[in-house]
Amino acid sequence: MGSRTLTAAGTAAGLLALLSWTLAAAHRGAVPDTLGHAQVAAPVTLTGPDAEARRAALIRRAQLRLPDDIQPLPIEAAPDSGTLECRYLAKEADGTSAKFDCVLADGRTIKVKYGRNPEIHAETLATTLLMALGYPADRVTIVPRVRCYGCPRFPFATMQFFQFLGADGVLGPHGFEHGYTDFTWAAVEHRFSADRMVADHLALYNDVIAGRLSPAGS
């Protein structure tokens, strides 16, 4: 076996080892029994051929009503030490910011942004200000440490890599079963508690196929 073959084999093995290290979880550890599965509330679904039009009309008529005695919400600082535990929830990596979804012990899903990201501080400040003024908004706080069970070392880049290969389901819905990764000083977003409102596009499609409605909706 020639030196070039040995060099190529060694380089390939090194690259494979580096790739495996990058995609793997940072530490070994079983998922705590307290961390279950995500609880997803069913959306309010509008049906019928005019479902999308009615949804748009409701959004246009939406109004903000503030109470007479607005009390600013207290700005709660995260503790100096402490770890927030959650379970990784695999989903499509969209946008450009490094982030992932994670499930808390009570079944709520949070969004975690990590790394050197100016959005972490900007979103925390903006949402805190909006809530203090009485406006409904997602609640974003900065947490000293998020321990994500099932997370790769770089979850956002990992999902982008698998999506590029067309292998989104390689990790499974909760990533690694016996590993976790810690993220320090990450932004944790609790979504605003409200029902989602969607239009039944399948019903609209069926109406078009049946000839009851033109594709333009007229």
Protein backbone atom coordinates (compact mmCIF):
# COMPACT_ATOMS: atom_id res chain seq x y z
CA MET A 1 0.00 0.00 0.00
CA GLY A 2 1.53 3.28 -1.11
CA SER A 3 2.06 6.41 0.97
CA ARG A 4 -0.59 8.31 -0.98
CA THR A 5 -3.18 5.66 -0.24
CA LEU A 6 -2.28 5.72 3.46
CA THR A 7 -2.47 9.52 3.51
CA ALA A 8 -5.86 9.53 1.79
CA ALA A 9 -7.19 6.87 4.16
CA GLY A 10 -5.92 8.76 7.19
CA THR A 11 -7.43 12.01 5.95
CA ALA A 12 -10.79 10.35 5.31
CA ALA A 13 -10.75 8.73 8.75
CA GLY A 14 -9.88 12.05 10.36
CA LEU A 15 -12.68 13.87 8.54
CA LEU A 16 -15.15 11.13 9.49
CA ALA A 17 -14.11 11.35 13.13
CA LEU A 18 -14.44 15.15 13.08
CA LEU A 19 -17.88 14.91 11.48
CA SER A 20 -19.01 12.34 14.04
CA TRP A 21 -17.77 14.55 16.90
CA THR A 22 -19.56 17.60 15.46
CA LEU A 23 -22.90 15.85 14.98
CA ALA A 24 -22.88 13.96 18.27
CA ALA A 25 -24.09 15.11 21.68
CA ALA A 26 -21.43 16.72 23.87
CA HIS A 27 -21.97 14.46 26.92
CA ARG A 28 -23.37 11.06 27.76
CA GLY A 29 -26.43 10.96 29.98
CA ALA A 30 -29.91 9.44 30.10
CA VAL A 31 -32.98 11.63 29.70
CA PRO A 32 -34.59 12.36 33.10
CA ASP A 33 -38.00 10.80 33.67
CA THR A 34 -39.45 14.26 34.27
CA LEU A 35 -38.93 15.24 30.64
CA GLY A 36 -41.77 13.91 28.52
CA HIS A 37 -43.19 14.81 25.14
CA ALA A 38 -44.47 18.07 23.71
CA GLN A 39 -48.08 19.05 24.25
CA VAL A 40 -49.45 20.62 21.08
CA ALA A 41 -52.76 22.46 21.29
CA ALA A 42 -55.11 21.98 18.36
CA PRO A 43 -55.53 25.18 16.32
CA VAL A 44 -58.83 26.89 15.63
CA THR A 45 -59.57 25.71 12.09
CA LEU A 46 -61.83 27.68 9.76
CA THR A 47 -63.45 25.49 7.11
CA GLY A 48 -65.34 26.10 3.89
CA PRO A 49 -64.47 27.73 0.57
CA ASP A 50 -64.15 31.17 2.18
CA ALA A 51 -61.99 30.01 5.10
CA GLU A 52 -58.89 31.96 4.04
CA ALA A 53 -60.92 35.10 3.37
CA ARG A 54 -62.63 34.90 6.78
CA ARG A 55 -59.27 34.37 8.49
CA ALA A 56 -57.83 37.44 6.75
CA ALA A 57 -60.91 39.48 7.71
CA LEU A 58 -60.58 38.48 11.37
CA ILE A 59 -56.93 39.51 11.38
CA ARG A 60 -57.80 42.89 9.82
CA ARG A 61 -60.44 43.52 12.50
CA ALA A 62 -58.19 42.55 15.38
CA GLN A 63 -57.88 45.26 18.03
CA LEU A 64 -55.65 45.78 21.02
CA ARG A 65 -57.54 46.46 24.23
CA LEU A 66 -55.50 47.59 27.22
CA PRO A 67 -56.82 47.55 30.80
CA ASP A 68 -57.48 50.85 32.56
CA ASP A 69 -54.89 50.16 35.25
CA ILE A 70 -51.79 48.91 33.43
CA GLN A 71 -49.29 47.40 35.84
CA PRO A 72 -45.80 46.85 34.45
CA LEU A 73 -44.64 43.25 34.72
CA PRO A 74 -41.64 42.70 36.97
CA ILE A 75 -38.43 42.17 35.08
CA GLU A 76 -37.19 38.87 36.48
CA ALA A 77 -33.46 38.33 36.22
CA ALA A 78 -32.26 34.78 35.73
CA PRO A 79 -30.43 33.32 38.75
CA ASP A 80 -26.67 33.58 38.85
CA SER A 81 -26.46 29.82 38.73
CA GLY A 82 -28.86 27.11 37.71
CA THR A 83 -29.63 24.92 34.76
CA LEU A 84 -32.83 24.75 32.73
CA GLU A 85 -33.41 21.19 31.50
CA CYS A 86 -35.37 20.33 28.38
CA ARG A 87 -35.65 17.65 25.70
CA TYR A 88 -34.65 18.31 22.11
CA LEU A 89 -37.46 18.53 19.56
CA ALA A 90 -36.24 18.03 16.00
CA LYS A 91 -37.68 20.38 13.39
CA GLU A 92 -36.66 22.04 10.14
CA ALA A 93 -33.78 24.51 10.51
CA ASP A 94 -35.19 27.71 9.04
CA GLY A 95 -33.85 31.26 9.08
CA THR A 96 -30.23 32.13 9.79
CA SER A 97 -30.01 32.31 13.60
CA ALA A 98 -28.67 29.33 15.55
CA LYS A 99 -31.69 27.97 17.44
CA PHE A 100 -33.65 24.84 18.29
CA ASP A 101 -36.93 23.81 19.92
CA CYS A 102 -36.94 22.05 23.28
CA VAL A 103 -39.65 20.52 25.50
CA LEU A 104 -39.90 21.35 29.21
CA ALA A 105 -41.05 18.97 31.94
CA ASP A 106 -44.63 20.32 31.76
CA GLY A 107 -44.85 19.67 28.00
CA ARG A 108 -44.44 23.26 26.88
CA THR A 109 -42.18 23.86 23.90
CA ILE A 110 -39.61 26.64 24.08
CA LYS A 111 -37.28 28.06 21.47
CA VAL A 112 -33.62 28.37 22.44
CA LYS A 113 -31.20 30.70 20.67
CA TYR A 114 -27.52 30.19 21.40
CA GLY A 115 -24.03 31.25 20.38
CA ARG A 116 -22.74 34.70 19.47
CA ASN A 117 -26.07 36.10 18.35
CA PRO A 118 -27.16 39.75 18.74
CA GLU A 119 -30.80 38.64 18.58
CA ILE A 120 -30.45 37.13 22.05
CA HIS A 121 -30.17 40.51 23.77
CA ALA A 122 -32.36 42.42 21.30
CA GLU A 123 -35.34 40.05 21.59
CA THR A 124 -35.04 39.87 25.37
CA LEU A 125 -35.12 43.66 25.67
CA ALA A 126 -37.91 44.14 23.10
CA THR A 127 -40.29 41.53 24.51
CA THR A 128 -39.71 42.64 28.10
CA LEU A 129 -40.51 46.23 27.14
CA LEU A 130 -43.67 45.22 25.27
CA MET A 131 -44.93 43.12 28.18
CA ALA A 132 -44.18 45.90 30.68
CA LEU A 133 -46.33 48.24 28.55
CA GLY A 134 -49.20 45.76 28.61
CA TYR A 135 -48.88 44.31 25.12
CA PRO A 136 -49.12 40.57 24.47
CA ALA A 137 -45.76 39.19 23.40
CA ASP A 138 -43.57 36.12 23.57
CA ARG A 139 -41.59 36.08 26.78
CA VAL A 140 -37.83 35.88 26.19
CA THR A 141 -35.29 35.55 29.01
CA ILE A 142 -31.56 34.89 29.09
CA VAL A 143 -30.70 31.71 30.99
CA PRO A 144 -27.19 30.96 32.31
CA ARG A 145 -27.31 27.35 31.19
CA VAL A 146 -29.70 25.24 29.12
CA ARG A 147 -29.14 21.49 29.29
CA CYS A 148 -30.71 19.98 26.19
CA TYR A 149 -31.13 16.21 26.30
CA GLY A 150 -30.85 14.78 22.79
CA CYS A 151 -29.14 17.84 21.32
CA PRO A 152 -26.11 17.58 19.04
CA ARG A 153 -23.22 19.93 19.79
CA PHE A 154 -24.45 22.27 17.07
CA PRO A 155 -28.16 21.47 16.58
CA PHE A 156 -28.93 24.18 14.02
CA ALA A 157 -25.96 23.38 11.78
CA THR A 158 -26.59 19.65 12.20
CA MET A 159 -30.18 19.94 10.99
CA GLN A 160 -29.05 22.09 8.06
CA PHE A 161 -26.51 19.40 7.15
CA PHE A 162 -29.07 16.59 7.28
CA GLN A 163 -31.59 18.66 5.32
CA PHE A 164 -28.95 19.23 2.64
CA LEU A 165 -28.48 15.46 2.41
CA GLY A 166 -32.25 14.88 2.43
CA ALA A 167 -31.94 12.86 5.64
CA ASP A 168 -33.95 14.98 8.07
CA GLY A 169 -35.14 12.01 10.13
CA VAL A 170 -31.70 10.61 10.99
CA LEU A 171 -31.77 11.94 14.56
CA GLY A 172 -35.34 10.99 15.35
CA PRO A 173 -37.93 13.30 16.95
CA HIS A 174 -35.88 13.85 20.13
CA GLY A 175 -32.33 13.47 18.87
CA PHE A 176 -29.95 11.30 20.88
CA GLU A 177 -31.52 9.09 23.56
CA HIS A 178 -28.44 8.95 25.79
CA GLY A 179 -26.69 12.26 25.38
CA TYR A 180 -27.02 15.96 26.15
CA THR A 181 -25.38 19.28 25.34
CA ASP A 182 -25.14 22.42 27.49
CA PHE A 183 -25.63 25.92 26.07
CA THR A 184 -24.54 28.86 28.19
CA TRP A 185 -26.21 32.28 28.28
CA ALA A 186 -28.88 31.32 25.79
CA ALA A 187 -32.17 33.08 25.08
CA VAL A 188 -35.25 31.06 26.00
CA GLU A 189 -38.49 32.05 24.28
CA HIS A 190 -41.85 31.10 25.78
CA ARG A 191 -44.41 31.61 23.04
CA PHE A 192 -47.42 33.81 23.75
CA SER A 193 -50.28 31.67 25.00
CA ALA A 194 -53.03 31.92 22.40
CA ASP A 195 -54.83 29.61 20.01
CA ARG A 196 -53.53 29.42 16.46
CA MET A 197 -56.07 30.16 13.75
CA VAL A 198 -55.66 28.38 10.43
CA ALA A 199 -57.71 27.90 7.28
CA ASP A 200 -58.57 24.42 6.07
CA HIS A 201 -56.65 24.51 2.78
CA LEU A 202 -57.48 20.86 2.10
CA ALA A 203 -61.21 21.65 2.11
CA LEU A 204 -60.54 24.61 -0.18
CA TYR A 205 -58.54 22.37 -2.54
CA ASN A 206 -61.34 19.80 -2.61
CA ASP A 207 -63.86 22.50 -3.52
CA VAL A 208 -61.67 23.60 -6.41
CA ILE A 209 -61.32 20.02 -7.67
CA ALA A 210 -65.08 19.49 -7.42
CA GLY A 211 -65.72 22.60 -9.51
CA ARG A 212 -67.54 24.40 -6.71
CA LEU A 213 -64.96 27.18 -6.59
CA SER A 214 -62.54 28.67 -9.08
CA PRO A 215 -58.83 28.65 -8.18
CA ALA A 216 -59.02 32.43 -7.78
CA GLY A 217 -61.66 32.07 -5.09
CA SER A 218 -64.51 33.63 -7.07
